[in-house]
Amino acid sequence: MAKYDVVIVGAGFAGLSCAQAAAAQGVSTLVMERKSHPGATPHTTGILVKEAAQHWNFPTNLTRRIEGVRLYSPSLQSIDLHSPDYYFLATDTGACLDWLANTARSAGANIRTRMAYTSAQADGEFIRIARHNIQTRYLIGCDGARSRVARNFQLGKNQEFIFGVEVELRGVKGIDANHLHVFLDAQLAPGYIGWVVPGVGVHQIGLAVRWPAMPDLERFIAKLTRLFDFSSSETVSRRGGLIPCGGPVTPMTRGAVLLLGDAAGMVSPLTAGGIHAALAIGQVAGEALAQKFQGGTGDIEAEIRNARPNYFFKQQLRHVLDRIAPSNATYDRLIQQPLFRHLAQTIFFHQRGLFTWRAWQDILGWAQQ
């Protein structure tokens, strides 16, 4: 029977960040990943905000810097948004996950692929992982929006979702490579947006809608032919899946079991961004576990609660937008308004913090000019 201090289910951004931080401080750590390697068929667009990019130093050949956002109304009017010294990184997401896995291995984590988690149960002071002859002192579920770990241990479950689909294409012409292209459309993207990302060697084109609606990506691409030339394009890959948008689940821990990442609902209800939180909170959890196993008395749940973003106001705005459901005509009118432009700029660039006092000082101060 193999025994570990920590077993992490899922080699995504949260799981690998946690594994690296824990293993680097001597915690015996196993990551279970059902896929052939962590970067196989990723389910995320992989945009990194500046804060994550600066902290993690992903290899430059796996990323591409993008300076601005071009926001489109349903009639394809557009405005360009920029902020001094702010940027995003488009990534080769699969390669970035494999790189993170290698950093975790270098720190001492054991990452086993093609190893599916089915269930686990308490076994004295350990938790026994079914079918794998493994025991662990602590179990962490980083296994996605519909977490098996959460179901097994009666932890909080995600209840609200966005459903997104994305295609990677080569050979699309006419796309400004220095902008993320974001599309508002109440008919094609009810509850969320469409996007075009000039990525690393490909263009990522996606559409997400409020579940249980289903996105019509082909119809969206047909609309984009009014802007871009797809005549020589070829498909590289397709992906899709559920994105939680209801905020952090409760409870997130029970005994020696913890949820992180999408499993814990640590995704912005407004923007659906979750990679920065996954990396940052995964690291906090790994370090807190190391302190616990070294005789510390810290509260792991409290450490995570203090580190995670405050999604309360974003949840409220998400509910308001779901209820109001602006029409395409409303979007077309709004995009021409200076205040809307300033609000959009704050959402995209204000240190990811629309609902901070400093952000609203900027907005209200601008409006009074």
Protein backbone atom coordinates (compact mmCIF):
# COMPACT_ATOMS: atom_id res chain seq x y z
CA MET A 1 0.00 0.00 0.00
CA ALA A 2 1.57 3.28 -1.15
CA LYS A 3 1.12 6.16 1.32
CA TYR A 4 1.29 9.87 0.64
CA ASP A 5 0.81 13.05 2.61
CA VAL A 6 -1.28 14.55 -0.21
CA VAL A 7 -3.07 13.09 -3.21
CA ILE A 8 -4.32 15.63 -5.77
CA VAL A 9 -6.96 14.55 -8.28
CA GLY A 10 -6.49 16.43 -11.54
CA ALA A 11 -3.38 17.93 -13.18
CA GLY A 12 -4.83 21.31 -14.15
CA PHE A 13 -3.52 24.72 -13.15
CA ALA A 14 -4.78 24.46 -9.55
CA GLY A 15 -3.62 20.90 -8.99
CA LEU A 16 -0.15 21.40 -10.43
CA SER A 17 0.40 24.69 -8.60
CA CYS A 18 -0.59 23.03 -5.32
CA ALA A 19 1.60 19.98 -6.03
CA GLN A 20 4.66 22.09 -6.81
CA ALA A 21 4.28 24.21 -3.67
CA ALA A 22 3.70 21.23 -1.37
CA ALA A 23 6.42 19.00 -2.83
CA ALA A 24 8.98 21.82 -2.74
CA GLN A 25 8.65 21.81 1.05
CA GLY A 26 9.08 18.08 1.45
CA VAL A 27 5.43 16.94 1.40
CA SER A 28 5.06 13.54 -0.30
CA THR A 29 2.68 14.41 -3.11
CA LEU A 30 0.90 12.38 -5.77
CA VAL A 31 -1.08 13.90 -8.65
CA MET A 32 -3.59 11.58 -10.34
CA GLU A 33 -4.41 12.52 -13.95
CA ARG A 34 -6.74 10.47 -16.12
CA LYS A 35 -5.35 11.81 -19.43
CA SER A 36 -2.19 10.64 -21.21
CA HIS A 37 -0.38 13.83 -20.11
CA PRO A 38 -1.54 17.00 -18.31
CA GLY A 39 -1.62 19.10 -21.48
CA ALA A 40 -3.73 16.69 -23.53
CA THR A 41 -7.01 18.20 -24.79
CA PRO A 42 -7.16 21.22 -22.46
CA HIS A 43 -10.62 22.69 -21.80
CA THR A 44 -9.63 26.34 -21.43
CA THR A 45 -8.62 29.15 -23.77
CA GLY A 46 -5.60 29.73 -21.55
CA ILE A 47 -5.46 33.51 -21.31
CA LEU A 48 -3.13 34.69 -18.55
CA VAL A 49 -3.60 38.10 -16.97
CA LYS A 50 -0.53 40.19 -16.23
CA GLU A 51 -0.48 39.28 -12.52
CA ALA A 52 -0.29 35.55 -13.27
CA ALA A 53 2.22 36.03 -16.07
CA GLN A 54 4.60 38.00 -13.86
CA HIS A 55 4.46 35.49 -11.01
CA TRP A 56 4.85 32.24 -12.94
CA ASN A 57 7.32 33.07 -15.73
CA PHE A 58 6.05 30.62 -18.32
CA PRO A 59 8.55 29.99 -21.15
CA THR A 60 8.32 32.77 -23.72
CA ASN A 61 8.02 30.31 -26.62
CA LEU A 62 4.73 29.06 -25.10
CA THR A 63 3.12 32.50 -24.81
CA ARG A 64 2.36 35.57 -26.89
CA ARG A 65 1.86 39.01 -25.41
CA ILE A 66 -1.32 40.94 -26.28
CA GLU A 67 -1.64 44.58 -25.31
CA GLY A 68 -5.32 45.44 -25.75
CA VAL A 69 -8.94 44.40 -26.10
CA ARG A 70 -11.16 45.16 -29.09
CA LEU A 71 -14.79 45.02 -27.98
CA TYR A 72 -17.49 44.53 -30.63
CA SER A 73 -21.21 45.25 -30.50
CA PRO A 74 -23.69 42.89 -32.24
CA SER A 75 -23.57 45.07 -35.37
CA LEU A 76 -19.75 44.71 -35.28
CA GLN A 77 -19.03 48.29 -34.28
CA SER A 78 -15.89 48.17 -32.14
CA ILE A 79 -13.90 50.10 -29.59
CA ASP A 80 -10.27 49.52 -28.61
CA LEU A 81 -9.35 49.33 -24.94
CA HIS A 82 -5.85 49.68 -23.52
CA SER A 83 -4.21 50.37 -20.19
CA PRO A 84 -0.63 51.56 -19.65
CA ASP A 85 1.72 48.71 -18.72
CA TYR A 86 -1.07 46.12 -18.71
CA TYR A 87 -1.11 43.09 -20.97
CA PHE A 88 -2.40 39.56 -21.39
CA LEU A 89 -0.62 36.42 -22.51
CA ALA A 90 -2.17 34.06 -25.01
CA THR A 91 -0.73 30.62 -24.35
CA ASP A 92 -0.14 27.23 -25.86
CA THR A 93 -2.29 25.94 -23.02
CA GLY A 94 -1.43 22.26 -23.32
CA ALA A 95 2.30 22.96 -23.44
CA CYS A 96 1.99 25.30 -20.43
CA LEU A 97 0.29 22.57 -18.41
CA ASP A 98 3.02 20.09 -19.35
CA TRP A 99 5.63 22.68 -18.31
CA LEU A 100 3.87 23.15 -14.97
CA ALA A 101 3.84 19.38 -14.51
CA ASN A 102 7.59 19.27 -15.08
CA THR A 103 8.17 22.02 -12.49
CA ALA A 104 6.08 20.01 -10.01
CA ARG A 105 8.07 16.86 -10.80
CA SER A 106 11.32 18.77 -10.33
CA ALA A 107 10.08 19.83 -6.90
CA GLY A 108 9.50 16.18 -6.00
CA ALA A 109 5.83 15.54 -6.88
CA ASN A 110 4.86 12.19 -8.36
CA ILE A 111 2.55 12.75 -11.35
CA ARG A 112 0.87 9.64 -12.66
CA THR A 113 -1.11 9.80 -15.89
CA ARG A 114 -3.83 7.49 -17.25
CA MET A 115 -4.87 7.11 -13.62
CA ALA A 116 -8.57 7.77 -13.19
CA TYR A 117 -10.12 8.60 -9.84
CA THR A 118 -13.39 6.80 -9.10
CA SER A 119 -13.91 7.11 -5.34
CA ALA A 120 -12.24 7.18 -1.95
CA GLN A 121 -13.19 6.65 1.68
CA ALA A 122 -11.85 7.32 5.15
CA ASP A 123 -9.64 4.55 6.52
CA GLY A 124 -8.54 5.45 10.03
CA GLU A 125 -6.15 8.40 9.90
CA PHE A 126 -5.83 7.99 6.12
CA ILE A 127 -8.10 8.20 3.08
CA ARG A 128 -7.99 5.14 0.84
CA ILE A 129 -8.21 5.68 -2.93
CA ALA A 130 -10.33 2.98 -4.55
CA ARG A 131 -8.76 0.70 -7.20
CA HIS A 132 -5.23 2.04 -6.82
CA ASN A 133 -3.89 0.64 -3.53
CA ILE A 134 -3.08 4.15 -2.30
CA GLN A 135 -3.61 5.90 1.03
CA THR A 136 -3.26 9.60 1.72
CA ARG A 137 -3.43 11.88 4.74
CA TYR A 138 -5.05 14.63 2.67
CA LEU A 139 -7.12 14.50 -0.52
CA ILE A 140 -7.53 17.49 -2.85
CA GLY A 141 -10.13 17.54 -5.62
CA CYS A 142 -9.01 19.58 -8.63
CA ASP A 143 -11.17 17.50 -10.93
CA GLY A 144 -13.30 20.04 -12.72
CA ALA A 145 -16.70 21.64 -12.65
CA ARG A 146 -18.49 18.37 -11.83
CA SER A 147 -16.08 17.01 -9.28
CA ARG A 148 -16.22 13.34 -8.27
CA VAL A 149 -14.33 14.19 -5.10
CA ALA A 150 -17.07 16.68 -4.17
CA ARG A 151 -19.76 14.04 -4.73
CA ASN A 152 -17.88 11.36 -2.77
CA PHE A 153 -17.41 13.52 0.30
CA GLN A 154 -20.66 15.54 0.16
CA LEU A 155 -18.89 18.82 -0.47
CA GLY A 156 -20.40 21.80 -2.25
CA LYS A 157 -21.29 21.31 -5.90
CA ASN A 158 -21.35 23.84 -8.71
CA GLN A 159 -24.94 24.61 -9.68
CA GLU A 160 -24.59 27.38 -12.29
CA PHE A 161 -22.64 27.04 -15.51
CA ILE A 162 -21.59 28.62 -18.76
CA PHE A 163 -21.06 26.23 -21.67
CA GLY A 164 -18.20 27.14 -23.98
CA VAL A 165 -16.87 25.73 -27.25
CA GLU A 166 -13.71 26.71 -29.09
CA VAL A 167 -11.89 25.86 -32.29
CA GLU A 168 -8.21 26.45 -33.06
CA LEU A 169 -7.58 27.48 -36.66
CA ARG A 170 -4.52 28.18 -38.77
CA GLY A 171 -4.50 30.46 -41.77
CA VAL A 172 -7.16 33.01 -40.77
CA LYS A 173 -6.32 36.41 -42.24
CA GLY A 174 -7.14 39.96 -41.21
CA ILE A 175 -7.08 39.53 -37.42
CA ASP A 176 -5.26 42.27 -35.50
CA ALA A 177 -2.73 40.26 -33.51
CA ASN A 178 -2.30 42.84 -30.76
CA HIS A 179 -5.86 42.62 -29.42
CA LEU A 180 -8.13 40.12 -27.75
CA HIS A 181 -11.32 40.33 -29.82
CA VAL A 182 -14.44 40.16 -27.64
CA PHE A 183 -17.97 40.01 -29.07
CA LEU A 184 -21.26 40.95 -27.42
CA ASP A 185 -24.32 39.31 -28.98
CA ALA A 186 -27.54 38.57 -27.10
CA GLN A 187 -28.63 36.02 -29.70
CA LEU A 188 -25.40 34.11 -30.31
CA ALA A 189 -23.90 34.50 -26.82
CA PRO A 190 -26.75 34.89 -24.31
CA GLY A 191 -25.23 35.27 -20.86
CA TYR A 192 -21.64 35.54 -22.01
CA ILE A 193 -19.50 36.45 -25.05
CA GLY A 194 -17.76 35.28 -28.19
CA TRP A 195 -14.02 35.72 -28.69
CA VAL A 196 -11.13 35.55 -31.11
CA VAL A 197 -7.67 35.16 -29.59
CA PRO A 198 -4.55 35.53 -31.74
CA GLY A 199 -2.75 32.70 -30.02
CA VAL A 200 0.56 30.88 -30.26
CA GLY A 201 0.65 29.71 -33.88
CA VAL A 202 -3.15 29.51 -34.10
CA HIS A 203 -6.26 31.63 -33.76
CA GLN A 204 -8.64 30.52 -31.00
CA ILE A 205 -12.27 31.24 -31.83
CA GLY A 206 -14.88 30.51 -29.19
CA LEU A 207 -18.39 31.11 -28.01
CA ALA A 208 -19.97 30.60 -24.60
CA VAL A 209 -23.57 30.81 -23.43
CA ARG A 210 -25.48 30.42 -20.19
CA TRP A 211 -26.16 26.73 -19.61
CA PRO A 212 -28.46 24.94 -20.56
CA ALA A 213 -28.42 26.89 -23.85
CA MET A 214 -25.97 25.49 -26.40
CA PRO A 215 -23.54 27.65 -28.43
CA ASP A 216 -23.73 27.66 -32.22
CA LEU A 217 -20.06 28.13 -33.10
CA GLU A 218 -20.55 27.65 -36.84
CA ARG A 219 -23.10 30.46 -36.95
CA PHE A 220 -20.73 32.69 -34.98
CA ILE A 221 -17.86 31.98 -37.39
CA ALA A 222 -20.19 32.72 -40.32
CA LYS A 223 -20.80 36.15 -38.77
CA LEU A 224 -17.06 36.69 -38.35
CA THR A 225 -16.51 36.29 -42.10
CA ARG A 226 -17.70 39.90 -42.32
CA LEU A 227 -14.48 40.86 -40.51
CA PHE A 228 -11.90 38.16 -41.19
CA ASP A 229 -10.84 35.93 -44.10
CA PHE A 230 -11.35 32.21 -43.40
CA SER A 231 -10.86 31.07 -47.00
CA SER A 232 -7.46 29.44 -46.34
CA SER A 233 -8.05 28.35 -42.76
CA GLU A 234 -7.67 24.82 -41.42
CA THR A 235 -8.86 23.31 -38.15
CA VAL A 236 -6.20 22.28 -35.65
CA SER A 237 -8.39 21.22 -32.71
CA ARG A 238 -11.76 21.64 -31.03
CA ARG A 239 -12.72 21.68 -27.38
CA GLY A 240 -15.57 22.55 -25.09
CA GLY A 241 -17.04 22.12 -21.66
CA LEU A 242 -18.82 23.55 -18.64
CA ILE A 243 -17.45 26.57 -16.78
CA PRO A 244 -18.84 27.20 -13.26
CA CYS A 245 -20.18 30.73 -12.80
CA GLY A 246 -21.99 30.58 -9.45
CA GLY A 247 -19.03 31.50 -7.26
CA PRO A 248 -17.21 29.40 -4.63
CA VAL A 249 -19.00 26.28 -3.43
CA THR A 250 -19.91 25.61 0.19
CA PRO A 251 -18.56 23.64 1.95
CA MET A 252 -15.20 23.57 0.21
CA THR A 253 -13.57 21.33 2.83
CA ARG A 254 -14.59 18.45 5.02
CA GLY A 255 -12.08 16.86 7.35
CA ALA A 256 -8.97 16.09 5.31
CA VAL A 257 -10.63 16.71 1.93
CA LEU A 258 -10.38 20.01 0.03
CA LEU A 259 -11.58 21.34 -3.33
CA LEU A 260 -9.61 23.76 -5.53
CA GLY A 261 -9.98 25.35 -8.96
CA ASP A 262 -13.15 24.75 -10.98
CA ALA A 263 -14.21 22.04 -8.53
CA ALA A 264 -14.38 24.72 -5.84
CA GLY A 265 -16.12 27.24 -8.11
CA MET A 266 -13.08 29.55 -8.00
CA VAL A 267 -13.99 31.18 -11.29
CA SER A 268 -15.14 34.75 -11.80
CA PRO A 269 -18.94 34.70 -12.20
CA LEU A 270 -18.65 37.73 -14.47
CA THR A 271 -15.67 37.04 -16.74
CA ALA A 272 -15.32 33.23 -16.30
CA GLY A 273 -11.60 33.75 -15.70
CA GLY A 274 -10.12 31.16 -13.36
CA ILE A 275 -6.47 30.48 -14.20
CA HIS A 276 -5.01 33.26 -12.04
CA ALA A 277 -7.04 32.13 -9.01
CA ALA A 278 -6.19 28.49 -9.71
CA LEU A 279 -2.45 29.17 -9.74
CA ALA A 280 -2.43 31.57 -6.79
CA ILE A 281 -4.75 29.65 -4.47
CA GLY A 282 -3.21 26.32 -5.45
CA GLN A 283 0.12 27.67 -4.25
CA VAL A 284 -1.41 28.95 -1.01
CA ALA A 285 -3.00 25.55 -0.37
CA GLY A 286 0.25 23.69 -1.03
CA GLU A 287 2.21 25.92 1.30
CA ALA A 288 -0.47 25.69 4.01
CA LEU A 289 -0.46 21.90 3.80
CA ALA A 290 3.32 21.86 4.13
CA GLN A 291 3.07 23.96 7.29
CA LYS A 292 0.43 21.60 8.65
CA PHE A 293 2.57 18.51 8.09
CA GLN A 294 5.56 20.27 9.65
CA GLY A 295 3.66 20.72 12.90
CA GLY A 296 1.99 24.06 12.27
CA THR A 297 -1.42 24.91 13.66
CA GLY A 298 -2.71 27.05 10.79
CA ASP A 299 -6.22 26.72 9.40
CA ILE A 300 -5.94 25.66 5.74
CA GLU A 301 -9.51 26.65 4.94
CA ALA A 302 -8.97 30.10 6.46
CA GLU A 303 -5.75 30.57 4.47
CA ILE A 304 -7.61 29.82 1.24
CA ARG A 305 -10.59 31.97 2.19
CA ASN A 306 -8.27 34.91 2.83
CA ALA A 307 -6.44 34.40 -0.47
CA ARG A 308 -9.33 33.90 -2.86
CA PRO A 309 -10.93 36.83 -4.70
CA ASN A 310 -14.15 38.30 -3.35
CA TYR A 311 -16.71 37.30 -5.96
CA PHE A 312 -19.78 38.65 -4.13
CA PHE A 313 -20.41 41.75 -6.27
CA LYS A 314 -19.51 39.93 -9.46
CA GLN A 315 -22.12 37.30 -8.56
CA GLN A 316 -24.70 40.02 -8.06
CA LEU A 317 -23.88 41.62 -11.40
CA ARG A 318 -24.03 38.20 -13.05
CA HIS A 319 -27.55 37.71 -11.68
CA VAL A 320 -28.59 41.19 -12.80
CA LEU A 321 -27.31 40.59 -16.34
CA ASP A 322 -29.07 37.21 -16.45
CA ARG A 323 -32.35 38.83 -15.49
CA ILE A 324 -32.07 41.94 -17.65
CA ALA A 325 -30.57 40.16 -20.67
CA PRO A 326 -29.70 43.27 -22.73
CA SER A 327 -30.89 43.17 -26.34
CA ASN A 328 -28.61 43.57 -29.34
CA ALA A 329 -30.06 47.02 -29.92
CA THR A 330 -29.11 47.96 -26.34
CA TYR A 331 -25.55 46.70 -26.84
CA ASP A 332 -25.27 48.70 -30.07
CA ARG A 333 -26.34 51.86 -28.27
CA LEU A 334 -24.15 51.26 -25.21
CA ILE A 335 -20.93 50.75 -27.11
CA GLN A 336 -21.19 54.32 -28.41
CA GLN A 337 -21.40 55.77 -24.89
CA PRO A 338 -18.19 57.08 -23.27
CA LEU A 339 -19.22 55.87 -19.81
CA PHE A 340 -19.73 52.33 -21.12
CA ARG A 341 -16.28 52.45 -22.68
CA HIS A 342 -14.74 53.52 -19.39
CA LEU A 343 -16.62 50.82 -17.48
CA ALA A 344 -15.50 48.17 -19.97
CA GLN A 345 -11.91 49.36 -19.68
CA THR A 346 -12.12 49.05 -15.90
CA ILE A 347 -13.48 45.50 -16.13
CA PHE A 348 -10.69 44.34 -18.42
CA PHE A 349 -7.71 46.21 -17.00
CA HIS A 350 -8.24 47.33 -13.40
CA GLN A 351 -6.07 44.67 -11.76
CA ARG A 352 -9.04 42.32 -12.30
CA GLY A 353 -10.84 44.38 -9.62
CA LEU A 354 -13.96 46.12 -10.91
CA PHE A 355 -15.52 46.06 -7.47
CA THR A 356 -12.84 47.85 -5.54
CA TRP A 357 -13.12 51.34 -4.12
CA ARG A 358 -10.20 52.49 -6.26
CA ALA A 359 -11.92 51.25 -9.42
CA TRP A 360 -15.12 53.11 -8.64
CA GLN A 361 -13.17 56.24 -7.72
CA ASP A 362 -11.70 56.10 -11.21
CA ILE A 363 -15.10 55.58 -12.85
CA LEU A 364 -16.95 58.23 -10.84
CA GLY A 365 -14.07 60.66 -11.11
CA TRP A 366 -14.02 60.24 -14.89
CA ALA A 367 -17.82 60.66 -15.13
CA GLN A 368 -17.62 63.97 -13.28
CA GLN A 369 -15.03 65.42 -15.64
